[in-house]
Amino acid sequence: MATLAKHVSRLTSWLEGIGVTRNWSTVLLVDDKAVFDGSKLRIDPEELKTEDGYTARYDELVAAGYSWIHLNALGTLDATLVVTVAWPRDSSGVGVEHIAMNVSHELPNDLARYVCSTTACT
């Protein structure tokens, strides 16, 4: 099974390969569902996780047997690349070796205007 770190590395290498200027020094991950409130983008900084902090969640998604997992470089916040992780609504019970790992980006996207205060996100 490929690790989360391998897929994050693949995403950042792909971004650089298509000409996206690397203006981040760290990567934080968050469930896609945690940042989209209907059609609005809202980022609660407490939901953002390092690769190590998100690995257990990634392993849960892989074990659940979703047919795909999608890493989207949503944008940058200060010197951090924010990556959302999405998956289908229902698991199809596929084996680990058959999960499609997809990548995309919405860069350049300065996310500062989408960060909510702790009280606004609760």
PDB file of N, CA and C in Angstrom:
ATOM      1  N   MET A   1       0.852  -1.176   0.000  1.00  0.00           N
ATOM      2  CA  MET A   1       0.000   0.000   0.000  1.00  0.00           C
ATOM      3  C   MET A   1       0.899   1.242   0.000  1.00  0.00           C
ATOM      4  N   ALA A   2       0.564   2.168  -0.862  1.00  0.00           N
ATOM      5  CA  ALA A   2       1.300   3.428  -0.899  1.00  0.00           C
ATOM      6  C   ALA A   2       0.899   4.280   0.303  1.00  0.00           C
ATOM      7  N   THR A   3       1.853   4.935   0.849  1.00  0.00           N
ATOM      8  CA  THR A   3       1.589   5.746   2.036  1.00  0.00           C
ATOM      9  C   THR A   3       1.051   7.119   1.652  1.00  0.00           C
ATOM     10  N   LEU A   4       0.458   7.769   2.620  1.00  0.00           N
ATOM     11  CA  LEU A   4      -0.019   9.130   2.413  1.00  0.00           C
ATOM     12  C   LEU A   4       1.140  10.023   1.984  1.00  0.00           C
ATOM     13  N   ALA A   5       2.285   9.877   2.621  1.00  0.00           N
ATOM     14  CA  ALA A   5       3.449  10.714   2.290  1.00  0.00           C
ATOM     15  C   ALA A   5       3.816  10.557   0.815  1.00  0.00           C
ATOM     16  N   LYS A   6       3.728   9.345   0.294  1.00  0.00           N
ATOM     17  CA  LYS A   6       4.058   9.113  -1.121  1.00  0.00           C
ATOM     18  C   LYS A   6       3.077   9.869  -2.017  1.00  0.00           C
ATOM     19  N   HIS A   7       1.796   9.858  -1.679  1.00  0.00           N
ATOM     20  CA  HIS A   7       0.798  10.533  -2.506  1.00  0.00           C
ATOM     21  C   HIS A   7       0.915  12.060  -2.400  1.00  0.00           C
ATOM     22  N   VAL A   8       1.226  12.564  -1.225  1.00  0.00           N
ATOM     23  CA  VAL A   8       1.439  14.004  -1.074  1.00  0.00           C
ATOM     24  C   VAL A   8       2.662  14.421  -1.895  1.00  0.00           C
ATOM     25  N   SER A   9       3.706  13.619  -1.854  1.00  0.00           N
ATOM     26  CA  SER A   9       4.903  13.901  -2.647  1.00  0.00           C
ATOM     27  C   SER A   9       4.575  13.878  -4.139  1.00  0.00           C
ATOM     28  N   ARG A  10       3.758  12.926  -4.556  1.00  0.00           N
ATOM     29  CA  ARG A  10       3.344  12.851  -5.964  1.00  0.00           C
ATOM     30  C   ARG A  10       2.573  14.107  -6.354  1.00  0.00           C
ATOM     31  N   LEU A  11       1.695  14.573  -5.473  1.00  0.00           N
ATOM     32  CA  LEU A  11       0.930  15.791  -5.740  1.00  0.00           C
ATOM     33  C   LEU A  11       1.854  16.995  -5.884  1.00  0.00           C
ATOM     34  N   THR A  12       2.773  17.186  -4.944  1.00  0.00           N
ATOM     35  CA  THR A  12       3.638  18.364  -5.003  1.00  0.00           C
ATOM     36  C   THR A  12       4.595  18.285  -6.193  1.00  0.00           C
ATOM     37  N   SER A  13       5.075  17.098  -6.520  1.00  0.00           N
ATOM     38  CA  SER A  13       5.933  16.942  -7.703  1.00  0.00           C
ATOM     39  C   SER A  13       5.158  17.250  -8.971  1.00  0.00           C
ATOM     40  N   TRP A  14       3.926  16.794  -9.041  1.00  0.00           N
ATOM     41  CA  TRP A  14       3.072  17.075 -10.201  1.00  0.00           C
ATOM     42  C   TRP A  14       2.849  18.580 -10.331  1.00  0.00           C
ATOM     43  N   LEU A  15       2.569  19.246  -9.219  1.00  0.00           N
ATOM     44  CA  LEU A  15       2.368  20.690  -9.257  1.00  0.00           C
ATOM     45  C   LEU A  15       3.590  21.402  -9.823  1.00  0.00           C
ATOM     46  N   GLU A  16       4.759  21.026  -9.336  1.00  0.00           N
ATOM     47  CA  GLU A  16       5.986  21.641  -9.831  1.00  0.00           C
ATOM     48  C   GLU A  16       6.195  21.315 -11.307  1.00  0.00           C
ATOM     49  N   GLY A  17       5.826  20.103 -11.710  1.00  0.00           N
ATOM     50  CA  GLY A  17       5.985  19.673 -13.095  1.00  0.00           C
ATOM     51  C   GLY A  17       5.099  20.423 -14.079  1.00  0.00           C
ATOM     52  N   ILE A  18       3.974  20.933 -13.600  1.00  0.00           N
ATOM     53  CA  ILE A  18       3.093  21.690 -14.494  1.00  0.00           C
ATOM     54  C   ILE A  18       3.334  23.192 -14.368  1.00  0.00           C
ATOM     55  N   GLY A  19       4.386  23.553 -13.636  1.00  0.00           N
ATOM     56  CA  GLY A  19       4.787  24.953 -13.579  1.00  0.00           C
ATOM     57  C   GLY A  19       4.248  25.768 -12.417  1.00  0.00           C
ATOM     58  N   VAL A  20       3.636  25.130 -11.433  1.00  0.00           N
ATOM     59  CA  VAL A  20       3.167  25.869 -10.259  1.00  0.00           C
ATOM     60  C   VAL A  20       4.376  26.235  -9.409  1.00  0.00           C
ATOM     61  N   THR A  21       4.496  27.502  -9.102  1.00  0.00           N
ATOM     62  CA  THR A  21       5.608  27.969  -8.270  1.00  0.00           C
ATOM     63  C   THR A  21       5.423  27.480  -6.844  1.00  0.00           C
ATOM     64  N   ARG A  22       6.449  26.835  -6.331  1.00  0.00           N
ATOM     65  CA  ARG A  22       6.385  26.318  -4.956  1.00  0.00           C
ATOM     66  C   ARG A  22       6.592  27.480  -3.993  1.00  0.00           C
ATOM     67  N   ASN A  23       5.502  27.937  -3.389  1.00  0.00           N
ATOM     68  CA  ASN A  23       5.586  29.036  -2.425  1.00  0.00           C
ATOM     69  C   ASN A  23       5.144  28.566  -1.037  1.00  0.00           C
ATOM     70  N   TRP A  24       5.352  27.307  -0.751  1.00  0.00           N
ATOM     71  CA  TRP A  24       5.011  26.737   0.550  1.00  0.00           C
ATOM     72  C   TRP A  24       6.196  25.941   1.075  1.00  0.00           C
ATOM     73  N   SER A  25       6.261  25.836   2.387  1.00  0.00           N
ATOM     74  CA  SER A  25       7.314  25.038   3.020  1.00  0.00           C
ATOM     75  C   SER A  25       6.729  23.853   3.772  1.00  0.00           C
ATOM     76  N   THR A  26       5.420  23.880   4.018  1.00  0.00           N
ATOM     77  CA  THR A  26       4.761  22.773   4.702  1.00  0.00           C
ATOM     78  C   THR A  26       3.456  22.442   3.978  1.00  0.00           C
ATOM     79  N   VAL A  27       2.955  21.255   4.270  1.00  0.00           N
ATOM     80  CA  VAL A  27       1.678  20.799   3.711  1.00  0.00           C
ATOM     81  C   VAL A  27       0.778  20.397   4.873  1.00  0.00           C
ATOM     82  N   LEU A  28      -0.469  20.882   4.843  1.00  0.00           N
ATOM     83  CA  LEU A  28      -1.474  20.464   5.819  1.00  0.00           C
ATOM     84  C   LEU A  28      -2.654  19.879   5.067  1.00  0.00           C
ATOM     85  N   LEU A  29      -3.275  18.858   5.659  1.00  0.00           N
ATOM     86  CA  LEU A  29      -4.388  18.164   5.027  1.00  0.00           C
ATOM     87  C   LEU A  29      -5.652  18.306   5.848  1.00  0.00           C
ATOM     88  N   VAL A  30      -6.784  18.213   5.149  1.00  0.00           N
ATOM     89  CA  VAL A  30      -8.079  18.341   5.810  1.00  0.00           C
ATOM     90  C   VAL A  30      -9.113  17.586   4.985  1.00  0.00           C
ATOM     91  N   ASP A  31     -10.092  16.987   5.652  1.00  0.00           N
ATOM     92  CA  ASP A  31     -11.207  16.364   4.939  1.00  0.00           C
ATOM     93  C   ASP A  31     -11.918  17.427   4.118  1.00  0.00           C
ATOM     94  N   ASP A  32     -12.209  17.113   2.891  1.00  0.00           N
ATOM     95  CA  ASP A  32     -12.935  18.022   2.002  1.00  0.00           C
ATOM     96  C   ASP A  32     -14.239  18.485   2.641  1.00  0.00           C
ATOM     97  N   LYS A  33     -14.928  17.573   3.280  1.00  0.00           N
ATOM     98  CA  LYS A  33     -16.227  17.884   3.891  1.00  0.00           C
ATOM     99  C   LYS A  33     -16.103  18.870   5.049  1.00  0.00           C
ATOM    100  N   ALA A  34     -14.904  18.995   5.623  1.00  0.00           N
ATOM    101  CA  ALA A  34     -14.704  19.892   6.759  1.00  0.00           C
ATOM    102  C   ALA A  34     -14.503  21.342   6.337  1.00  0.00           C
ATOM    103  N   VAL A  35     -14.206  21.582   5.063  1.00  0.00           N
ATOM    104  CA  VAL A  35     -13.936  22.962   4.639  1.00  0.00           C
ATOM    105  C   VAL A  35     -15.012  23.536   3.727  1.00  0.00           C
ATOM    106  N   PHE A  36     -15.895  22.697   3.229  1.00  0.00           N
ATOM    107  CA  PHE A  36     -16.963  23.209   2.369  1.00  0.00           C
ATOM    108  C   PHE A  36     -18.280  23.161   3.115  1.00  0.00           C
ATOM    109  N   ASP A  37     -18.857  24.329   3.340  1.00  0.00           N
ATOM    110  CA  ASP A  37     -20.132  24.482   4.027  1.00  0.00           C
ATOM    111  C   ASP A  37     -21.158  24.830   2.958  1.00  0.00           C
ATOM    112  N   GLY A  38     -21.773  23.802   2.382  1.00  0.00           N
ATOM    113  CA  GLY A  38     -22.642  24.037   1.235  1.00  0.00           C
ATOM    114  C   GLY A  38     -21.778  24.465   0.074  1.00  0.00           C
ATOM    115  N   SER A  39     -21.969  25.655  -0.412  1.00  0.00           N
ATOM    116  CA  SER A  39     -21.151  26.155  -1.518  1.00  0.00           C
ATOM    117  C   SER A  39     -20.053  27.097  -1.029  1.00  0.00           C
ATOM    118  N   LYS A  40     -19.968  27.297   0.283  1.00  0.00           N
ATOM    119  CA  LYS A  40     -18.981  28.212   0.844  1.00  0.00           C
ATOM    120  C   LYS A  40     -17.752  27.461   1.334  1.00  0.00           C
ATOM    121  N   LEU A  41     -16.606  28.049   1.109  1.00  0.00           N
ATOM    122  CA  LEU A  41     -15.350  27.521   1.621  1.00  0.00           C
ATOM    123  C   LEU A  41     -15.062  28.196   2.954  1.00  0.00           C
ATOM    124  N   ARG A  42     -14.874  27.380   4.006  1.00  0.00           N
ATOM    125  CA  ARG A  42     -14.566  27.884   5.344  1.00  0.00           C
ATOM    126  C   ARG A  42     -13.499  26.992   5.950  1.00  0.00           C
ATOM    127  N   ILE A  43     -12.425  27.588   6.390  1.00  0.00           N
ATOM    128  CA  ILE A  43     -11.315  26.812   6.933  1.00  0.00           C
ATOM    129  C   ILE A  43     -11.175  27.079   8.422  1.00  0.00           C
ATOM    130  N   ASP A  44     -11.344  26.027   9.197  1.00  0.00           N
ATOM    131  CA  ASP A  44     -11.091  26.079  10.625  1.00  0.00           C
ATOM    132  C   ASP A  44      -9.653  25.589  10.821  1.00  0.00           C
ATOM    133  N   PRO A  45      -8.749  26.450  11.253  1.00  0.00           N
ATOM    134  CA  PRO A  45      -7.351  26.039  11.394  1.00  0.00           C
ATOM    135  C   PRO A  45      -7.155  24.794  12.254  1.00  0.00           C
ATOM    136  N   GLU A  46      -8.074  24.555  13.181  1.00  0.00           N
ATOM    137  CA  GLU A  46      -7.944  23.374  14.043  1.00  0.00           C
ATOM    138  C   GLU A  46      -8.192  22.067  13.296  1.00  0.00           C
ATOM    139  N   GLU A  47      -8.819  22.140  12.118  1.00  0.00           N
ATOM    140  CA  GLU A  47      -9.075  20.947  11.312  1.00  0.00           C
ATOM    141  C   GLU A  47      -7.875  20.551  10.453  1.00  0.00           C
ATOM    142  N   LEU A  48      -6.940  21.468  10.241  1.00  0.00           N
ATOM    143  CA  LEU A  48      -5.780  21.211   9.395  1.00  0.00           C
ATOM    144  C   LEU A  48      -4.788  20.314  10.122  1.00  0.00           C
ATOM    145  N   LYS A  49      -4.334  19.259   9.432  1.00  0.00           N
ATOM    146  CA  LYS A  49      -3.436  18.274  10.044  1.00  0.00           C
ATOM    147  C   LYS A  49      -2.161  18.120   9.225  1.00  0.00           C
ATOM    148  N   THR A  50      -1.072  17.845   9.913  1.00  0.00           N
ATOM    149  CA  THR A  50       0.173  17.489   9.228  1.00  0.00           C
ATOM    150  C   THR A  50      -0.006  16.114   8.590  1.00  0.00           C
ATOM    151  N   GLU A  51       0.948  15.716   7.760  1.00  0.00           N
ATOM    152  CA  GLU A  51       0.879  14.363   7.186  1.00  0.00           C
ATOM    153  C   GLU A  51       0.797  13.321   8.297  1.00  0.00           C
ATOM    154  N   ASP A  52       1.662  13.463   9.301  1.00  0.00           N
ATOM    155  CA  ASP A  52       1.641  12.503  10.416  1.00  0.00           C
ATOM    156  C   ASP A  52       0.300  12.529  11.130  1.00  0.00           C
ATOM    157  N   GLY A  53      -0.258  13.718  11.313  1.00  0.00           N
ATOM    158  CA  GLY A  53      -1.544  13.849  11.995  1.00  0.00           C
ATOM    159  C   GLY A  53      -2.718  13.343  11.189  1.00  0.00           C
ATOM    160  N   TYR A  54      -2.579  13.266   9.858  1.00  0.00           N
ATOM    161  CA  TYR A  54      -3.671  12.814   8.998  1.00  0.00           C
ATOM    162  C   TYR A  54      -3.534  11.343   8.598  1.00  0.00           C
ATOM    163  N   THR A  55      -2.397  10.733   8.872  1.00  0.00           N
ATOM    164  CA  THR A  55      -2.143   9.359   8.412  1.00  0.00           C
ATOM    165  C   THR A  55      -3.187   8.361   8.901  1.00  0.00           C
ATOM    166  N   ALA A  56      -3.597   8.435  10.149  1.00  0.00           N
ATOM    167  CA  ALA A  56      -4.600   7.489  10.667  1.00  0.00           C
ATOM    168  C   ALA A  56      -5.917   7.648   9.904  1.00  0.00           C
ATOM    169  N   ARG A  57      -6.299   8.870   9.612  1.00  0.00           N
ATOM    170  CA  ARG A  57      -7.532   9.113   8.837  1.00  0.00           C
ATOM    171  C   ARG A  57      -7.393   8.545   7.434  1.00  0.00           C
ATOM    172  N   TYR A  58      -6.250   8.773   6.797  1.00  0.00           N
ATOM    173  CA  TYR A  58      -5.981   8.230   5.468  1.00  0.00           C
ATOM    174  C   TYR A  58      -6.073   6.702   5.497  1.00  0.00           C
ATOM    175  N   ASP A  59      -5.477   6.093   6.492  1.00  0.00           N
ATOM    176  CA  ASP A  59      -5.519   4.634   6.604  1.00  0.00           C
ATOM    177  C   ASP A  59      -6.957   4.135   6.764  1.00  0.00           C
ATOM    178  N   GLU A  60      -7.794   4.881   7.500  1.00  0.00           N
ATOM    179  CA  GLU A  60      -9.215   4.524   7.630  1.00  0.00           C
ATOM    180  C   GLU A  60      -9.913   4.563   6.273  1.00  0.00           C
ATOM    181  N   LEU A  61      -9.642   5.595   5.494  1.00  0.00           N
ATOM    182  CA  LEU A  61     -10.269   5.725   4.173  1.00  0.00           C
ATOM    183  C   LEU A  61      -9.844   4.587   3.253  1.00  0.00           C
ATOM    184  N   VAL A  62      -8.560   4.260   3.279  1.00  0.00           N
ATOM    185  CA  VAL A  62      -8.058   3.161   2.452  1.00  0.00           C
ATOM    186  C   VAL A  62      -8.701   1.845   2.881  1.00  0.00           C
ATOM    187  N   ALA A  63      -8.770   1.598   4.172  1.00  0.00           N
ATOM    188  CA  ALA A  63      -9.345   0.351   4.678  1.00  0.00           C
ATOM    189  C   ALA A  63     -10.835   0.241   4.390  1.00  0.00           C
ATOM    190  N   ALA A  64     -11.521   1.380   4.240  1.00  0.00           N
ATOM    191  CA  ALA A  64     -12.968   1.365   3.987  1.00  0.00           C
ATOM    192  C   ALA A  64     -13.318   0.878   2.591  1.00  0.00           C
ATOM    193  N   GLY A  65     -12.347   0.861   1.681  1.00  0.00           N
ATOM    194  CA  GLY A  65     -12.595   0.315   0.346  1.00  0.00           C
ATOM    195  C   GLY A  65     -13.261   1.273  -0.626  1.00  0.00           C
ATOM    196  N   TYR A  66     -12.990   2.570  -0.500  1.00  0.00           N
ATOM    197  CA  TYR A  66     -13.512   3.524  -1.478  1.00  0.00           C
ATOM    198  C   TYR A  66     -12.825   3.296  -2.818  1.00  0.00           C
ATOM    199  N   SER A  67     -13.536   3.532  -3.902  1.00  0.00           N
ATOM    200  CA  SER A  67     -12.967   3.287  -5.229  1.00  0.00           C
ATOM    201  C   SER A  67     -11.923   4.342  -5.596  1.00  0.00           C
ATOM    202  N   TRP A  68     -12.012   5.514  -4.996  1.00  0.00           N
ATOM    203  CA  TRP A  68     -11.023   6.563  -5.254  1.00  0.00           C
ATOM    204  C   TRP A  68     -10.856   7.442  -4.027  1.00  0.00           C
ATOM    205  N   ILE A  69      -9.699   8.058  -3.959  1.00  0.00           N
ATOM    206  CA  ILE A  69      -9.395   9.086  -2.970  1.00  0.00           C
ATOM    207  C   ILE A  69      -8.738  10.215  -3.749  1.00  0.00           C
ATOM    208  N   HIS A  70      -9.163  11.424  -3.463  1.00  0.00           N
ATOM    209  CA  HIS A  70      -8.724  12.572  -4.252  1.00  0.00           C
ATOM    210  C   HIS A  70      -7.998  13.587  -3.371  1.00  0.00           C
ATOM    211  N   LEU A  71      -6.783  13.940  -3.758  1.00  0.00           N
ATOM    212  CA  LEU A  71      -6.018  14.982  -3.077  1.00  0.00           C
ATOM    213  C   LEU A  71      -6.060  16.229  -3.948  1.00  0.00           C
ATOM    214  N   ASN A  72      -6.571  17.320  -3.393  1.00  0.00           N
ATOM    215  CA  ASN A  72      -6.684  18.572  -4.125  1.00  0.00           C
ATOM    216  C   ASN A  72      -5.879  19.656  -3.425  1.00  0.00           C
ATOM    217  N   ALA A  73      -4.906  20.206  -4.137  1.00  0.00           N
ATOM    218  CA  ALA A  73      -4.151  21.341  -3.609  1.00  0.00           C
ATOM    219  C   ALA A  73      -5.068  22.551  -3.682  1.00  0.00           C
ATOM    220  N   LEU A  74      -5.706  22.849  -2.575  1.00  0.00           N
ATOM    221  CA  LEU A  74      -6.736  23.884  -2.528  1.00  0.00           C
ATOM    222  C   LEU A  74      -6.155  25.283  -2.656  1.00  0.00           C
ATOM    223  N   GLY A  75      -5.001  25.499  -2.055  1.00  0.00           N
ATOM    224  CA  GLY A  75      -4.374  26.807  -2.093  1.00  0.00           C
ATOM    225  C   GLY A  75      -3.344  26.932  -1.000  1.00  0.00           C
ATOM    226  N   THR A  76      -2.860  28.146  -0.839  1.00  0.00           N
ATOM    227  CA  THR A  76      -1.844  28.372   0.174  1.00  0.00           C
ATOM    228  C   THR A  76      -2.349  29.330   1.240  1.00  0.00           C
ATOM    229  N   LEU A  77      -1.849  29.112   2.417  1.00  0.00           N
ATOM    230  CA  LEU A  77      -2.159  29.935   3.577  1.00  0.00           C
ATOM    231  C   LEU A  77      -0.828  30.218   4.247  1.00  0.00           C
ATOM    232  N   ASP A  78      -0.384  31.459   4.149  1.00  0.00           N
ATOM    233  CA  ASP A  78       0.975  31.810   4.566  1.00  0.00           C
ATOM    234  C   ASP A  78       1.935  30.956   3.744  1.00  0.00           C
ATOM    235  N   ALA A  79       2.787  30.189   4.354  1.00  0.00           N
ATOM    236  CA  ALA A  79       3.736  29.343   3.616  1.00  0.00           C
ATOM    237  C   ALA A  79       3.327  27.879   3.685  1.00  0.00           C
ATOM    238  N   THR A  80       2.008  27.636   3.725  1.00  0.00           N
ATOM    239  CA  THR A  80       1.477  26.276   3.857  1.00  0.00           C
ATOM    240  C   THR A  80       0.587  25.944   2.675  1.00  0.00           C
ATOM    241  N   LEU A  81       0.809  24.777   2.092  1.00  0.00           N
ATOM    242  CA  LEU A  81      -0.073  24.261   1.056  1.00  0.00           C
ATOM    243  C   LEU A  81      -1.190  23.496   1.752  1.00  0.00           C
ATOM    244  N   VAL A  82      -2.436  23.903   1.514  1.00  0.00           N
ATOM    245  CA  VAL A  82      -3.588  23.227   2.103  1.00  0.00           C
ATOM    246  C   VAL A  82      -4.134  22.240   1.074  1.00  0.00           C
ATOM    247  N   VAL A  83      -4.203  20.976   1.473  1.00  0.00           N
ATOM    248  CA  VAL A  83      -4.664  19.906   0.599  1.00  0.00           C
ATOM    249  C   VAL A  83      -5.937  19.311   1.181  1.00  0.00           C
ATOM    250  N   THR A  84      -6.996  19.304   0.370  1.00  0.00           N
ATOM    251  CA  THR A  84      -8.227  18.652   0.815  1.00  0.00           C
ATOM    252  C   THR A  84      -8.219  17.204   0.342  1.00  0.00           C
ATOM    253  N   VAL A  85      -8.859  16.354   1.127  1.00  0.00           N
ATOM    254  CA  VAL A  85      -8.955  14.933   0.806  1.00  0.00           C
ATOM    255  C   VAL A  85     -10.435  14.609   0.651  1.00  0.00           C
ATOM    256  N   ALA A  86     -10.790  14.066  -0.521  1.00  0.00           N
ATOM    257  CA  ALA A  86     -12.188  13.730  -0.808  1.00  0.00           C
ATOM    258  C   ALA A  86     -12.287  12.256  -1.195  1.00  0.00           C
ATOM    259  N   TRP A  87     -13.485  11.717  -1.082  1.00  0.00           N
ATOM    260  CA  TRP A  87     -13.756  10.325  -1.415  1.00  0.00           C
ATOM    261  C   TRP A  87     -15.235  10.203  -1.750  1.00  0.00           C
ATOM    262  N   PRO A  88     -15.634   9.111  -2.402  1.00  0.00           N
ATOM    263  CA  PRO A  88     -17.053   8.965  -2.758  1.00  0.00           C
ATOM    264  C   PRO A  88     -17.940   8.822  -1.526  1.00  0.00           C
ATOM    265  N   ARG A  89     -19.211   9.058  -1.732  1.00  0.00           N
ATOM    266  CA  ARG A  89     -20.176   8.947  -0.636  1.00  0.00           C
ATOM    267  C   ARG A  89     -20.229   7.523  -0.081  1.00  0.00           C
ATOM    268  N   ASP A  90     -20.221   6.561  -0.979  1.00  0.00           N
ATOM    269  CA  ASP A  90     -20.353   5.159  -0.560  1.00  0.00           C
ATOM    270  C   ASP A  90     -19.108   4.364  -0.910  1.00  0.00           C
ATOM    271  N   SER A  91     -18.776   3.450  -0.030  1.00  0.00           N
ATOM    272  CA  SER A  91     -17.661   2.546  -0.283  1.00  0.00           C
ATOM    273  C   SER A  91     -18.123   1.454  -1.236  1.00  0.00           C
ATOM    274  N   SER A  92     -17.226   1.074  -2.134  1.00  0.00           N
ATOM    275  CA  SER A  92     -17.557  -0.017  -3.048  1.00  0.00           C
ATOM    276  C   SER A  92     -16.820  -1.296  -2.680  1.00  0.00           C
ATOM    277  N   GLY A  93     -16.071  -1.247  -1.592  1.00  0.00           N
ATOM    278  CA  GLY A  93     -15.391  -2.433  -1.101  1.00  0.00           C
ATOM    279  C   GLY A  93     -14.209  -2.882  -1.942  1.00  0.00           C
ATOM    280  N   VAL A  94     -13.595  -1.962  -2.689  1.00  0.00           N
ATOM    281  CA  VAL A  94     -12.460  -2.354  -3.519  1.00  0.00           C
ATOM    282  C   VAL A  94     -11.238  -2.613  -2.652  1.00  0.00           C
ATOM    283  N   GLY A  95     -10.372  -3.453  -3.163  1.00  0.00           N
ATOM    284  CA  GLY A  95      -9.129  -3.725  -2.471  1.00  0.00           C
ATOM    285  C   GLY A  95      -8.177  -2.541  -2.581  1.00  0.00           C
ATOM    286  N   VAL A  96      -7.253  -2.491  -1.666  1.00  0.00           N
ATOM    287  CA  VAL A  96      -6.294  -1.395  -1.610  1.00  0.00           C
ATOM    288  C   VAL A  96      -5.609  -1.191  -2.960  1.00  0.00           C
ATOM    289  N   GLU A  97      -5.273  -2.285  -3.625  1.00  0.00           N
ATOM    290  CA  GLU A  97      -4.536  -2.186  -4.883  1.00  0.00           C
ATOM    291  C   GLU A  97      -5.362  -1.601  -6.027  1.00  0.00           C
ATOM    292  N   HIS A  98      -6.671  -1.461  -5.822  1.00  0.00           N
ATOM    293  CA  HIS A  98      -7.539  -0.944  -6.883  1.00  0.00           C
ATOM    294  C   HIS A  98      -8.061   0.470  -6.615  1.00  0.00           C
ATOM    295  N   ILE A  99      -7.631   1.093  -5.545  1.00  0.00           N
ATOM    296  CA  ILE A  99      -8.070   2.455  -5.242  1.00  0.00           C
ATOM    297  C   ILE A  99      -7.362   3.429  -6.178  1.00  0.00           C
ATOM    298  N   ALA A 100      -8.130   4.244  -6.859  1.00  0.00           N
ATOM    299  CA  ALA A 100      -7.553   5.276  -7.721  1.00  0.00           C
ATOM    300  C   ALA A 100      -7.211   6.488  -6.863  1.00  0.00           C
ATOM    301  N   MET A 101      -5.967   6.903  -6.913  1.00  0.00           N
ATOM    302  CA  MET A 101      -5.523   8.099  -6.190  1.00  0.00           C
ATOM    303  C   MET A 101      -5.423   9.224  -7.209  1.00  0.00           C
ATOM    304  N   ASN A 102      -6.283  10.207  -7.070  1.00  0.00           N
ATOM    305  CA  ASN A 102      -6.349  11.322  -8.010  1.00  0.00           C
ATOM    306  C   ASN A 102      -5.775  12.578  -7.378  1.00  0.00           C
ATOM    307  N   VAL A 103      -5.232  13.459  -8.214  1.00  0.00           N
ATOM    308  CA  VAL A 103      -4.706  14.737  -7.732  1.00  0.00           C
ATOM    309  C   VAL A 103      -5.221  15.863  -8.621  1.00  0.00           C
ATOM    310  N   SER A 104      -5.374  17.036  -8.016  1.00  0.00           N
ATOM    311  CA  SER A 104      -5.770  18.228  -8.769  1.00  0.00           C
ATOM    312  C   SER A 104      -5.313  19.450  -7.989  1.00  0.00           C
ATOM    313  N   HIS A 105      -5.564  20.630  -8.563  1.00  0.00           N
ATOM    314  CA  HIS A 105      -5.195  21.849  -7.860  1.00  0.00           C
ATOM    315  C   HIS A 105      -6.120  22.989  -8.223  1.00  0.00           C
ATOM    316  N   GLU A 106      -6.124  23.975  -7.350  1.00  0.00           N
ATOM    317  CA  GLU A 106      -6.860  25.218  -7.564  1.00  0.00           C
ATOM    318  C   GLU A 106      -5.923  26.398  -7.328  1.00  0.00           C
ATOM    319  N   LEU A 107      -4.644  26.200  -7.625  1.00  0.00           N
ATOM    320  CA  LEU A 107      -3.627  27.213  -7.386  1.00  0.00           C
ATOM    321  C   LEU A 107      -3.530  28.172  -8.563  1.00  0.00           C
ATOM    322  N   PRO A 108      -3.146  29.424  -8.404  1.00  0.00           N
ATOM    323  CA  PRO A 108      -2.884  30.035  -7.107  1.00  0.00           C
ATOM    324  C   PRO A 108      -4.188  30.419  -6.426  1.00  0.00           C
ATOM    325  N   ASN A 109      -4.271  30.174  -5.169  1.00  0.00           N
ATOM    326  CA  ASN A 109      -5.463  30.497  -4.400  1.00  0.00           C
ATOM    327  C   ASN A 109      -5.007  30.857  -2.989  1.00  0.00           C
ATOM    328  N   ASP A 110      -5.047  32.137  -2.652  1.00  0.00           N
ATOM    329  CA  ASP A 110      -4.681  32.596  -1.315  1.00  0.00           C
ATOM    330  C   ASP A 110      -5.880  32.362  -0.402  1.00  0.00           C
ATOM    331  N   LEU A 111      -5.720  31.480   0.557  1.00  0.00           N
ATOM    332  CA  LEU A 111      -6.830  31.047   1.399  1.00  0.00           C
ATOM    333  C   LEU A 111      -7.088  31.924   2.610  1.00  0.00           C
ATOM    334  N   ALA A 112      -6.302  32.957   2.812  1.00  0.00           N
ATOM    335  CA  ALA A 112      -6.423  33.775   4.029  1.00  0.00           C
ATOM    336  C   ALA A 112      -7.847  34.289   4.239  1.00  0.00           C
ATOM    337  N   ARG A 113      -8.541  34.650   3.188  1.00  0.00           N
ATOM    338  CA  ARG A 113      -9.886  35.205   3.356  1.00  0.00           C
ATOM    339  C   ARG A 113     -10.921  34.150   3.764  1.00  0.00           C
ATOM    340  N   TYR A 114     -10.558  32.877   3.719  1.00  0.00           N
ATOM    341  CA  TYR A 114     -11.508  31.819   4.056  1.00  0.00           C
ATOM    342  C   TYR A 114     -11.325  31.274   5.471  1.00  0.00           C
ATOM    343  N   VAL A 115     -10.297  31.739   6.165  1.00  0.00           N
ATOM    344  CA  VAL A 115     -10.047  31.257   7.525  1.00  0.00           C
ATOM    345  C   VAL A 115     -11.029  31.916   8.466  1.00  0.00           C
ATOM    346  N   CYS A 116     -11.683  31.096   9.255  1.00  0.00           N
ATOM    347  CA  CYS A 116     -12.648  31.637  10.198  1.00  0.00           C
ATOM    348  C   CYS A 116     -12.067  31.577  11.610  1.00  0.00           C
ATOM    349  N   SER A 117     -12.539  32.460  12.440  1.00  0.00           N
ATOM    350  CA  SER A 117     -12.107  32.438  13.823  1.00  0.00           C
ATOM    351  C   SER A 117     -12.719  31.215  14.503  1.00  0.00           C
ATOM    352  N   THR A 118     -12.186  30.844  15.620  1.00  0.00           N
ATOM    353  CA  THR A 118     -12.712  29.686  16.337  1.00  0.00           C
ATOM    354  C   THR A 118     -14.197  29.817  16.620  1.00  0.00           C
ATOM    355  N   THR A 119     -14.644  30.979  17.007  1.00  0.00           N
ATOM    356  CA  THR A 119     -16.054  31.144  17.327  1.00  0.00           C
ATOM    357  C   THR A 119     -16.924  31.093  16.071  1.00  0.00           C
ATOM    358  N   ALA A 120     -16.406  31.550  14.931  1.00  0.00           N
ATOM    359  CA  ALA A 120     -17.188  31.547  13.706  1.00  0.00           C
ATOM    360  C   ALA A 120     -17.327  30.158  13.102  1.00  0.00           C
ATOM    361  N   CYS A 121     -16.410  29.253  13.429  1.00  0.00           N
ATOM    362  CA  CYS A 121     -16.453  27.913  12.851  1.00  0.00           C
ATOM    363  C   CYS A 121     -17.228  26.917  13.706  1.00  0.00           C
ATOM    364  N   THR A 122     -17.562  27.310  14.920  1.00  0.00           N
ATOM    365  CA  THR A 122     -18.264  26.354  15.788  1.00  0.00           C
ATOM    366  C   THR A 122     -19.739  26.491  15.676  1.00  0.00           C
TER     367      THR A 122
END
